[in-house]
């Protein structure tokens, strides 16, 4: 098993119930830069063509088998269309994660904006922690999101940059 798997397994031995939150863009799916306005112009199919980061998905597939951990997708999307495409992508490439555990925060619906985008994921993790989880694990690629989440969640969550899962 990998170092990342072993770290997650070790965390799970310390707590009865653990929730793991996984970002999508740049974490389990290829991150593409689109021209300004492309994503919000209702262009269909953009996200669906992004390739999975297989090494990370394979790690998560193993982690999902740990008895006291629940996996959650925690991602942001700029539009309703991208929310739907992310769900479709997950069903195709990460079908081992329960669809009820998709948390996709939609900018078009007003669920995040430029002012709170770096803190909104930590808020969602806090909400889940109140639902019976003793501890959380967060895997993301965005340094600002990671830094803000570490400040907010403190010792309630182990936070990993995606590089930890691929080395």
N, C-alpha and C. Protein backbone atom coordinates (compact mmCIF):
# COMPACT_ATOMS: atom_id res chain seq x y z
N UNK A 1 0.84 -1.19 0.00
CA UNK A 1 0.00 0.00 0.00
C UNK A 1 0.88 1.26 0.00
N UNK A 2 0.32 2.34 -0.46
CA UNK A 2 1.07 3.59 -0.58
C UNK A 2 1.19 4.30 0.77
N UNK A 3 2.08 5.27 0.82
CA UNK A 3 2.22 6.09 2.03
C UNK A 3 0.92 6.84 2.35
N UNK A 4 0.27 7.35 1.31
CA UNK A 4 -0.97 8.08 1.52
C UNK A 4 -2.05 7.17 2.11
N UNK A 5 -2.21 6.01 1.55
CA UNK A 5 -3.18 5.05 2.08
C UNK A 5 -2.86 4.75 3.55
N UNK A 6 -1.59 4.52 3.84
CA UNK A 6 -1.18 4.21 5.21
C UNK A 6 -1.47 5.36 6.18
N UNK A 7 -1.29 6.60 5.72
CA UNK A 7 -1.60 7.76 6.56
C UNK A 7 -3.11 7.83 6.84
N UNK A 8 -3.91 7.59 5.81
CA UNK A 8 -5.36 7.61 5.98
C UNK A 8 -5.78 6.48 6.93
N UNK A 9 -5.23 5.31 6.73
CA UNK A 9 -5.55 4.15 7.57
C UNK A 9 -5.20 4.45 9.03
N UNK A 10 -4.05 5.08 9.25
CA UNK A 10 -3.62 5.45 10.61
C UNK A 10 -4.60 6.43 11.25
N UNK A 11 -5.05 7.41 10.49
CA UNK A 11 -6.04 8.37 11.00
C UNK A 11 -7.32 7.63 11.39
N UNK A 12 -7.71 6.68 10.56
CA UNK A 12 -8.94 5.92 10.81
C UNK A 12 -8.84 5.01 12.04
N UNK A 13 -7.64 4.67 12.46
CA UNK A 13 -7.49 3.86 13.68
C UNK A 13 -7.66 4.71 14.94
N UNK A 14 -7.50 6.04 14.80
CA UNK A 14 -7.62 6.94 15.95
C UNK A 14 -9.05 7.38 16.22
N UNK A 15 -9.91 7.27 15.23
CA UNK A 15 -11.28 7.78 15.34
C UNK A 15 -12.29 6.71 14.93
N UNK A 16 -13.48 6.77 15.55
CA UNK A 16 -14.52 5.78 15.24
C UNK A 16 -15.14 6.00 13.87
N UNK A 17 -15.36 7.28 13.51
CA UNK A 17 -16.02 7.58 12.25
C UNK A 17 -15.33 8.77 11.58
N UNK A 18 -14.87 8.56 10.34
CA UNK A 18 -14.10 9.57 9.61
C UNK A 18 -14.79 9.87 8.28
N UNK A 19 -14.81 11.14 7.93
CA UNK A 19 -15.31 11.57 6.62
C UNK A 19 -14.12 12.10 5.83
N UNK A 20 -13.99 11.63 4.60
CA UNK A 20 -12.92 12.11 3.73
C UNK A 20 -13.54 12.90 2.58
N UNK A 21 -13.04 14.12 2.39
CA UNK A 21 -13.56 15.02 1.36
C UNK A 21 -12.52 15.17 0.25
N UNK A 22 -12.98 14.95 -0.97
CA UNK A 22 -12.08 14.92 -2.12
C UNK A 22 -12.52 15.96 -3.14
N UNK A 23 -11.61 16.85 -3.48
CA UNK A 23 -11.83 17.82 -4.53
C UNK A 23 -11.83 17.09 -5.88
N UNK A 24 -12.33 17.72 -6.91
CA UNK A 24 -12.32 17.10 -8.23
C UNK A 24 -11.24 17.71 -9.14
N UNK A 25 -11.44 18.98 -9.53
CA UNK A 25 -10.57 19.61 -10.53
C UNK A 25 -9.12 19.66 -10.07
N UNK A 26 -8.25 18.97 -10.78
CA UNK A 26 -6.84 18.94 -10.44
C UNK A 26 -6.49 17.93 -9.36
N UNK A 27 -7.50 17.24 -8.82
CA UNK A 27 -7.29 16.26 -7.77
C UNK A 27 -7.61 14.85 -8.25
N UNK A 28 -8.81 14.65 -8.80
CA UNK A 28 -9.13 13.34 -9.37
C UNK A 28 -9.43 13.43 -10.87
N UNK A 29 -9.52 14.64 -11.37
CA UNK A 29 -9.80 14.85 -12.79
C UNK A 29 -8.82 15.89 -13.34
N UNK A 30 -8.40 15.65 -14.55
CA UNK A 30 -7.48 16.56 -15.22
C UNK A 30 -8.02 17.99 -15.13
N UNK A 31 -7.14 18.92 -14.79
CA UNK A 31 -7.53 20.32 -14.67
C UNK A 31 -7.22 21.02 -15.98
N UNK A 32 -8.23 21.61 -16.59
CA UNK A 32 -8.03 22.36 -17.82
C UNK A 32 -8.38 23.81 -17.59
N UNK A 33 -7.63 24.68 -18.23
CA UNK A 33 -7.90 26.12 -18.17
C UNK A 33 -8.77 26.45 -19.37
N UNK A 34 -9.91 27.04 -19.10
CA UNK A 34 -10.80 27.45 -20.17
C UNK A 34 -10.77 28.96 -20.32
N UNK A 35 -10.99 29.46 -21.53
CA UNK A 35 -11.03 30.92 -21.70
C UNK A 35 -12.12 31.54 -20.84
N UNK A 36 -11.90 32.77 -20.39
CA UNK A 36 -12.89 33.46 -19.55
C UNK A 36 -14.26 33.40 -20.19
N UNK A 37 -15.25 33.09 -19.40
CA UNK A 37 -16.63 33.06 -19.87
C UNK A 37 -17.06 31.75 -20.51
N UNK A 38 -16.12 30.88 -20.85
CA UNK A 38 -16.48 29.63 -21.53
C UNK A 38 -17.41 28.78 -20.69
N UNK A 39 -17.07 28.58 -19.44
CA UNK A 39 -17.84 27.68 -18.58
C UNK A 39 -19.22 28.26 -18.28
N UNK A 40 -19.32 29.55 -18.16
CA UNK A 40 -20.62 30.14 -17.84
C UNK A 40 -21.45 30.41 -19.09
N UNK A 41 -20.92 30.18 -20.26
CA UNK A 41 -21.68 30.38 -21.50
C UNK A 41 -22.51 29.17 -21.88
N UNK A 42 -22.74 28.27 -20.93
CA UNK A 42 -23.61 27.11 -21.13
C UNK A 42 -23.08 26.14 -22.19
N UNK A 43 -21.79 26.04 -22.31
CA UNK A 43 -21.20 25.11 -23.27
C UNK A 43 -21.25 23.71 -22.67
N UNK A 44 -21.95 22.83 -23.33
CA UNK A 44 -22.09 21.46 -22.82
C UNK A 44 -20.91 20.60 -23.24
N UNK A 45 -20.61 19.61 -22.41
CA UNK A 45 -19.60 18.62 -22.77
C UNK A 45 -18.18 18.98 -22.39
N UNK A 46 -17.94 20.20 -21.92
CA UNK A 46 -16.57 20.62 -21.58
C UNK A 46 -15.97 19.73 -20.50
N UNK A 47 -16.69 19.56 -19.43
CA UNK A 47 -16.13 18.82 -18.29
C UNK A 47 -16.07 17.32 -18.55
N UNK A 48 -17.05 16.81 -19.26
CA UNK A 48 -17.15 15.36 -19.48
C UNK A 48 -15.94 14.78 -20.19
N UNK A 49 -15.24 15.60 -20.97
CA UNK A 49 -14.09 15.13 -21.73
C UNK A 49 -12.78 15.15 -20.95
N UNK A 50 -12.81 15.65 -19.72
CA UNK A 50 -11.59 15.68 -18.91
C UNK A 50 -11.24 14.28 -18.43
N UNK A 51 -9.94 13.99 -18.47
CA UNK A 51 -9.48 12.64 -18.12
C UNK A 51 -9.35 12.46 -16.61
N UNK A 52 -9.61 11.24 -16.14
CA UNK A 52 -9.43 10.94 -14.71
C UNK A 52 -7.95 10.85 -14.37
N UNK A 53 -7.61 11.21 -13.13
CA UNK A 53 -6.25 11.01 -12.63
C UNK A 53 -6.28 9.65 -11.96
N UNK A 54 -5.96 8.65 -12.75
CA UNK A 54 -6.15 7.25 -12.39
C UNK A 54 -5.43 6.86 -11.10
N UNK A 55 -4.22 7.31 -10.90
CA UNK A 55 -3.45 6.92 -9.72
C UNK A 55 -4.18 7.33 -8.43
N UNK A 56 -4.82 8.49 -8.45
CA UNK A 56 -5.54 8.97 -7.27
C UNK A 56 -6.86 8.22 -7.11
N UNK A 57 -7.55 8.02 -8.19
CA UNK A 57 -8.82 7.27 -8.13
C UNK A 57 -8.57 5.85 -7.62
N UNK A 58 -7.49 5.23 -8.07
CA UNK A 58 -7.16 3.88 -7.59
C UNK A 58 -6.88 3.89 -6.08
N UNK A 59 -6.20 4.92 -5.58
CA UNK A 59 -5.95 5.04 -4.14
C UNK A 59 -7.27 5.19 -3.38
N UNK A 60 -8.15 6.02 -3.90
CA UNK A 60 -9.44 6.24 -3.24
C UNK A 60 -10.29 4.98 -3.23
N UNK A 61 -10.20 4.21 -4.29
CA UNK A 61 -10.93 2.94 -4.35
C UNK A 61 -10.50 2.02 -3.20
N UNK A 62 -9.20 2.01 -2.90
CA UNK A 62 -8.68 1.21 -1.78
C UNK A 62 -9.10 1.81 -0.44
N UNK A 63 -9.01 3.13 -0.32
CA UNK A 63 -9.36 3.82 0.91
C UNK A 63 -10.83 3.60 1.25
N UNK A 64 -11.68 3.58 0.24
CA UNK A 64 -13.11 3.41 0.43
C UNK A 64 -13.43 2.10 1.14
N UNK A 65 -12.54 1.14 1.06
CA UNK A 65 -12.76 -0.16 1.70
C UNK A 65 -12.43 -0.16 3.19
N UNK A 66 -11.82 0.92 3.69
CA UNK A 66 -11.57 1.03 5.13
C UNK A 66 -12.93 1.13 5.81
N UNK A 67 -13.12 0.35 6.84
CA UNK A 67 -14.43 0.16 7.44
C UNK A 67 -15.10 1.43 7.98
N UNK A 68 -14.35 2.31 8.61
CA UNK A 68 -14.97 3.45 9.30
C UNK A 68 -14.77 4.79 8.60
N UNK A 69 -14.66 4.76 7.26
CA UNK A 69 -14.50 6.01 6.51
C UNK A 69 -15.59 6.13 5.46
N UNK A 70 -16.09 7.35 5.30
CA UNK A 70 -17.04 7.66 4.23
C UNK A 70 -16.38 8.67 3.32
N UNK A 71 -16.45 8.43 2.01
CA UNK A 71 -15.86 9.35 1.04
C UNK A 71 -16.92 10.31 0.51
N UNK A 72 -16.54 11.58 0.46
CA UNK A 72 -17.39 12.64 -0.08
C UNK A 72 -16.63 13.37 -1.17
N UNK A 73 -17.32 13.71 -2.24
CA UNK A 73 -16.78 14.61 -3.24
C UNK A 73 -17.11 16.02 -2.77
N UNK A 74 -16.15 16.90 -2.77
CA UNK A 74 -16.35 18.29 -2.36
C UNK A 74 -15.72 19.18 -3.43
N UNK A 75 -16.57 19.67 -4.31
CA UNK A 75 -16.08 20.39 -5.47
C UNK A 75 -16.89 21.65 -5.70
N UNK A 76 -16.33 22.56 -6.47
CA UNK A 76 -17.04 23.78 -6.85
C UNK A 76 -17.28 23.75 -8.35
N UNK A 77 -18.38 24.36 -8.76
CA UNK A 77 -18.72 24.45 -10.19
C UNK A 77 -19.26 25.84 -10.47
N UNK A 78 -18.96 26.33 -11.64
CA UNK A 78 -19.39 27.68 -11.99
C UNK A 78 -20.83 27.75 -12.49
N UNK A 79 -21.40 26.62 -12.90
CA UNK A 79 -22.74 26.65 -13.48
C UNK A 79 -23.50 25.36 -13.19
N UNK A 80 -24.82 25.44 -13.39
CA UNK A 80 -25.66 24.25 -13.23
C UNK A 80 -25.23 23.14 -14.19
N UNK A 81 -24.84 23.52 -15.38
CA UNK A 81 -24.42 22.52 -16.38
C UNK A 81 -23.18 21.78 -15.89
N UNK A 82 -22.22 22.50 -15.35
CA UNK A 82 -20.99 21.85 -14.86
C UNK A 82 -21.31 20.96 -13.66
N UNK A 83 -22.24 21.37 -12.80
CA UNK A 83 -22.65 20.51 -11.69
C UNK A 83 -23.14 19.17 -12.23
N UNK A 84 -24.02 19.22 -13.22
CA UNK A 84 -24.57 17.98 -13.79
C UNK A 84 -23.49 17.15 -14.48
N UNK A 85 -22.58 17.81 -15.18
CA UNK A 85 -21.51 17.09 -15.86
C UNK A 85 -20.53 16.46 -14.86
N UNK A 86 -20.29 17.14 -13.75
CA UNK A 86 -19.42 16.56 -12.73
C UNK A 86 -20.06 15.29 -12.16
N UNK A 87 -21.35 15.33 -11.92
CA UNK A 87 -22.05 14.14 -11.42
C UNK A 87 -21.96 13.00 -12.42
N UNK A 88 -22.17 13.32 -13.68
CA UNK A 88 -22.08 12.29 -14.73
C UNK A 88 -20.66 11.72 -14.81
N UNK A 89 -19.67 12.60 -14.72
CA UNK A 89 -18.26 12.17 -14.76
C UNK A 89 -17.97 11.24 -13.59
N UNK A 90 -18.44 11.59 -12.40
CA UNK A 90 -18.22 10.77 -11.21
C UNK A 90 -18.84 9.39 -11.36
N UNK A 91 -20.03 9.33 -11.90
CA UNK A 91 -20.70 8.03 -12.09
C UNK A 91 -19.89 7.14 -13.04
N UNK A 92 -19.20 7.76 -13.97
CA UNK A 92 -18.40 7.00 -14.94
C UNK A 92 -17.05 6.57 -14.36
N UNK A 93 -16.36 7.47 -13.65
CA UNK A 93 -14.98 7.22 -13.24
C UNK A 93 -14.79 6.93 -11.74
N UNK A 94 -15.77 7.30 -10.92
CA UNK A 94 -15.63 7.09 -9.47
C UNK A 94 -16.95 6.53 -8.92
N UNK A 95 -17.41 5.47 -9.55
CA UNK A 95 -18.71 4.90 -9.22
C UNK A 95 -18.76 4.27 -7.82
N UNK A 96 -17.62 4.13 -7.17
CA UNK A 96 -17.56 3.57 -5.81
C UNK A 96 -17.92 4.61 -4.75
N UNK A 97 -18.05 5.88 -5.16
CA UNK A 97 -18.46 6.94 -4.23
C UNK A 97 -19.96 7.15 -4.41
N UNK A 98 -20.69 7.03 -3.31
CA UNK A 98 -22.14 7.14 -3.32
C UNK A 98 -22.57 8.51 -3.83
N UNK A 99 -23.53 8.51 -4.74
CA UNK A 99 -24.04 9.76 -5.31
C UNK A 99 -24.60 10.69 -4.23
N UNK A 100 -25.10 10.15 -3.13
CA UNK A 100 -25.58 10.98 -2.02
C UNK A 100 -24.45 11.72 -1.33
N UNK A 101 -23.21 11.34 -1.63
CA UNK A 101 -22.04 11.97 -1.01
C UNK A 101 -21.35 12.96 -1.95
N UNK A 102 -22.06 13.42 -2.95
CA UNK A 102 -21.55 14.47 -3.83
C UNK A 102 -21.95 15.82 -3.24
N UNK A 103 -20.97 16.64 -2.92
CA UNK A 103 -21.22 18.02 -2.49
C UNK A 103 -20.58 18.91 -3.54
N UNK A 104 -21.41 19.42 -4.43
CA UNK A 104 -20.90 20.27 -5.51
C UNK A 104 -21.50 21.66 -5.33
N UNK A 105 -20.64 22.59 -4.99
CA UNK A 105 -21.03 23.95 -4.64
C UNK A 105 -21.11 24.79 -5.92
N UNK A 106 -22.28 25.37 -6.16
CA UNK A 106 -22.58 26.00 -7.45
C UNK A 106 -22.53 27.53 -7.37
N UNK A 107 -21.61 28.10 -8.12
CA UNK A 107 -21.49 29.57 -8.16
C UNK A 107 -22.73 30.22 -8.76
N UNK A 108 -23.23 29.62 -9.83
CA UNK A 108 -24.40 30.19 -10.52
C UNK A 108 -25.62 30.23 -9.58
N UNK A 109 -25.69 29.30 -8.63
CA UNK A 109 -26.80 29.27 -7.67
C UNK A 109 -26.52 30.18 -6.47
N UNK A 110 -25.39 30.87 -6.46
CA UNK A 110 -25.06 31.79 -5.38
C UNK A 110 -24.47 31.11 -4.15
N UNK A 111 -24.01 29.87 -4.31
CA UNK A 111 -23.47 29.12 -3.17
C UNK A 111 -22.03 29.51 -2.82
N UNK A 112 -21.36 30.18 -3.73
CA UNK A 112 -20.04 30.75 -3.43
C UNK A 112 -19.79 31.93 -4.36
N UNK A 113 -18.83 32.76 -3.97
CA UNK A 113 -18.44 33.91 -4.77
C UNK A 113 -16.95 34.16 -4.57
N UNK A 114 -16.43 35.22 -5.17
CA UNK A 114 -15.00 35.52 -5.06
C UNK A 114 -14.56 35.75 -3.62
N UNK A 115 -15.44 36.32 -2.79
CA UNK A 115 -15.08 36.64 -1.42
C UNK A 115 -14.97 35.40 -0.53
N UNK A 116 -15.83 34.38 -0.75
CA UNK A 116 -15.83 33.23 0.15
C UNK A 116 -15.31 31.94 -0.47
N UNK A 117 -14.85 31.98 -1.72
CA UNK A 117 -14.50 30.74 -2.43
C UNK A 117 -13.40 29.93 -1.72
N UNK A 118 -12.52 30.58 -0.99
CA UNK A 118 -11.44 29.84 -0.31
C UNK A 118 -11.86 29.26 1.04
N UNK A 119 -13.03 29.68 1.54
CA UNK A 119 -13.51 29.21 2.85
C UNK A 119 -14.73 28.30 2.77
N UNK A 120 -15.42 28.30 1.66
CA UNK A 120 -16.71 27.62 1.56
C UNK A 120 -16.59 26.10 1.75
N UNK A 121 -15.51 25.50 1.30
CA UNK A 121 -15.34 24.05 1.48
C UNK A 121 -15.17 23.70 2.96
N UNK A 122 -14.43 24.52 3.68
CA UNK A 122 -14.25 24.27 5.12
C UNK A 122 -15.60 24.32 5.83
N UNK A 123 -16.47 25.21 5.40
CA UNK A 123 -17.80 25.30 5.98
C UNK A 123 -18.60 24.03 5.74
N UNK A 124 -18.50 23.48 4.57
CA UNK A 124 -19.20 22.22 4.26
C UNK A 124 -18.65 21.07 5.09
N UNK A 125 -17.34 21.05 5.31
CA UNK A 125 -16.73 20.01 6.14
C UNK A 125 -17.23 20.16 7.59
N UNK A 126 -17.28 21.40 8.08
CA UNK A 126 -17.79 21.64 9.43
C UNK A 126 -19.22 21.12 9.59
N UNK A 127 -20.06 21.34 8.58
CA UNK A 127 -21.44 20.86 8.62
C UNK A 127 -21.48 19.34 8.76
N UNK A 128 -20.65 18.64 8.00
CA UNK A 128 -20.63 17.16 8.06
C UNK A 128 -20.09 16.67 9.39
N UNK A 129 -19.10 17.36 9.94
CA UNK A 129 -18.55 16.95 11.23
C UNK A 129 -19.64 16.97 12.32
N UNK A 130 -20.60 17.85 12.18
CA UNK A 130 -21.70 17.93 13.15
C UNK A 130 -22.69 16.78 13.00
N UNK A 131 -22.54 15.99 11.94
CA UNK A 131 -23.46 14.89 11.66
C UNK A 131 -22.89 13.54 12.09
N UNK A 132 -22.07 13.55 13.12
CA UNK A 132 -21.62 12.29 13.70
C UNK A 132 -20.22 11.84 13.35
N UNK A 133 -19.49 12.63 12.61
CA UNK A 133 -18.09 12.27 12.31
C UNK A 133 -17.18 12.85 13.38
N UNK A 134 -16.22 12.05 13.81
CA UNK A 134 -15.26 12.52 14.80
C UNK A 134 -14.11 13.30 14.18
N UNK A 135 -13.83 12.99 12.92
CA UNK A 135 -12.67 13.61 12.27
C UNK A 135 -12.89 13.63 10.77
N UNK A 136 -12.15 14.53 10.12
CA UNK A 136 -12.24 14.64 8.66
C UNK A 136 -10.85 14.59 8.05
N UNK A 137 -10.83 14.20 6.79
CA UNK A 137 -9.63 14.24 5.95
C UNK A 137 -10.04 15.02 4.70
N UNK A 138 -9.17 15.90 4.26
CA UNK A 138 -9.48 16.74 3.09
C UNK A 138 -8.33 16.64 2.10
N UNK A 139 -8.65 16.32 0.85
CA UNK A 139 -7.66 16.21 -0.23
C UNK A 139 -8.01 17.22 -1.31
N UNK A 140 -7.11 18.16 -1.56
CA UNK A 140 -7.37 19.24 -2.52
C UNK A 140 -6.06 19.66 -3.19
N UNK A 141 -6.18 20.44 -4.25
CA UNK A 141 -4.98 20.92 -4.94
C UNK A 141 -4.79 22.42 -4.82
N UNK A 142 -5.77 23.14 -4.33
CA UNK A 142 -5.74 24.60 -4.28
C UNK A 142 -5.11 25.08 -2.97
N UNK A 143 -3.96 25.72 -3.08
CA UNK A 143 -3.21 26.15 -1.90
C UNK A 143 -4.01 27.11 -1.02
N UNK A 144 -4.72 28.05 -1.62
CA UNK A 144 -5.49 29.01 -0.82
C UNK A 144 -6.63 28.31 -0.07
N UNK A 145 -7.30 27.38 -0.74
CA UNK A 145 -8.38 26.62 -0.10
C UNK A 145 -7.81 25.79 1.05
N UNK A 146 -6.67 25.16 0.81
CA UNK A 146 -6.02 24.34 1.84
C UNK A 146 -5.63 25.19 3.05
N UNK A 147 -5.03 26.35 2.81
CA UNK A 147 -4.60 27.23 3.89
C UNK A 147 -5.78 27.74 4.71
N UNK A 148 -6.83 28.18 4.05
CA UNK A 148 -8.01 28.68 4.76
C UNK A 148 -8.69 27.55 5.54
N UNK A 149 -8.76 26.37 4.93
CA UNK A 149 -9.38 25.22 5.59
C UNK A 149 -8.60 24.84 6.85
N UNK A 150 -7.28 24.88 6.77
CA UNK A 150 -6.44 24.55 7.94
C UNK A 150 -6.70 25.53 9.08
N UNK A 151 -6.87 26.81 8.76
CA UNK A 151 -7.15 27.82 9.79
C UNK A 151 -8.51 27.57 10.44
N UNK A 152 -9.48 27.24 9.63
CA UNK A 152 -10.86 27.09 10.12
C UNK A 152 -11.06 25.76 10.86
N UNK A 153 -10.54 24.69 10.30
CA UNK A 153 -10.83 23.35 10.83
C UNK A 153 -9.87 22.90 11.93
N UNK A 154 -8.71 23.50 11.97
CA UNK A 154 -7.69 23.20 12.99
C UNK A 154 -7.46 21.70 13.16
N UNK A 155 -7.58 21.18 14.37
CA UNK A 155 -7.26 19.77 14.63
C UNK A 155 -8.42 18.81 14.33
N UNK A 156 -9.51 19.31 13.79
CA UNK A 156 -10.66 18.46 13.43
C UNK A 156 -10.48 17.79 12.07
N UNK A 157 -9.42 18.17 11.35
CA UNK A 157 -9.27 17.69 9.98
C UNK A 157 -7.79 17.58 9.61
N UNK A 158 -7.43 16.46 9.01
CA UNK A 158 -6.10 16.32 8.40
C UNK A 158 -6.24 16.73 6.95
N UNK A 159 -5.41 17.67 6.52
CA UNK A 159 -5.52 18.21 5.18
C UNK A 159 -4.28 17.83 4.37
N UNK A 160 -4.55 17.32 3.17
CA UNK A 160 -3.49 16.87 2.29
C UNK A 160 -3.59 17.58 0.94
N UNK A 161 -2.44 17.99 0.43
CA UNK A 161 -2.35 18.46 -0.95
C UNK A 161 -2.33 17.23 -1.84
N UNK A 162 -2.81 17.33 -3.03
CA UNK A 162 -2.89 16.20 -3.95
C UNK A 162 -1.52 15.52 -4.13
N UNK A 163 -0.45 16.26 -4.01
CA UNK A 163 0.88 15.65 -4.20
C UNK A 163 1.12 14.50 -3.21
N UNK A 164 0.49 14.57 -2.05
CA UNK A 164 0.64 13.49 -1.07
C UNK A 164 0.06 12.17 -1.56
N UNK A 165 -0.94 12.24 -2.41
CA UNK A 165 -1.61 11.04 -2.90
C UNK A 165 -0.95 10.45 -4.15
N UNK A 166 -0.06 11.22 -4.77
CA UNK A 166 0.52 10.72 -6.03
C UNK A 166 2.00 10.37 -5.94
N UNK A 167 2.61 10.61 -4.77
CA UNK A 167 4.03 10.24 -4.66
C UNK A 167 4.20 8.94 -3.92
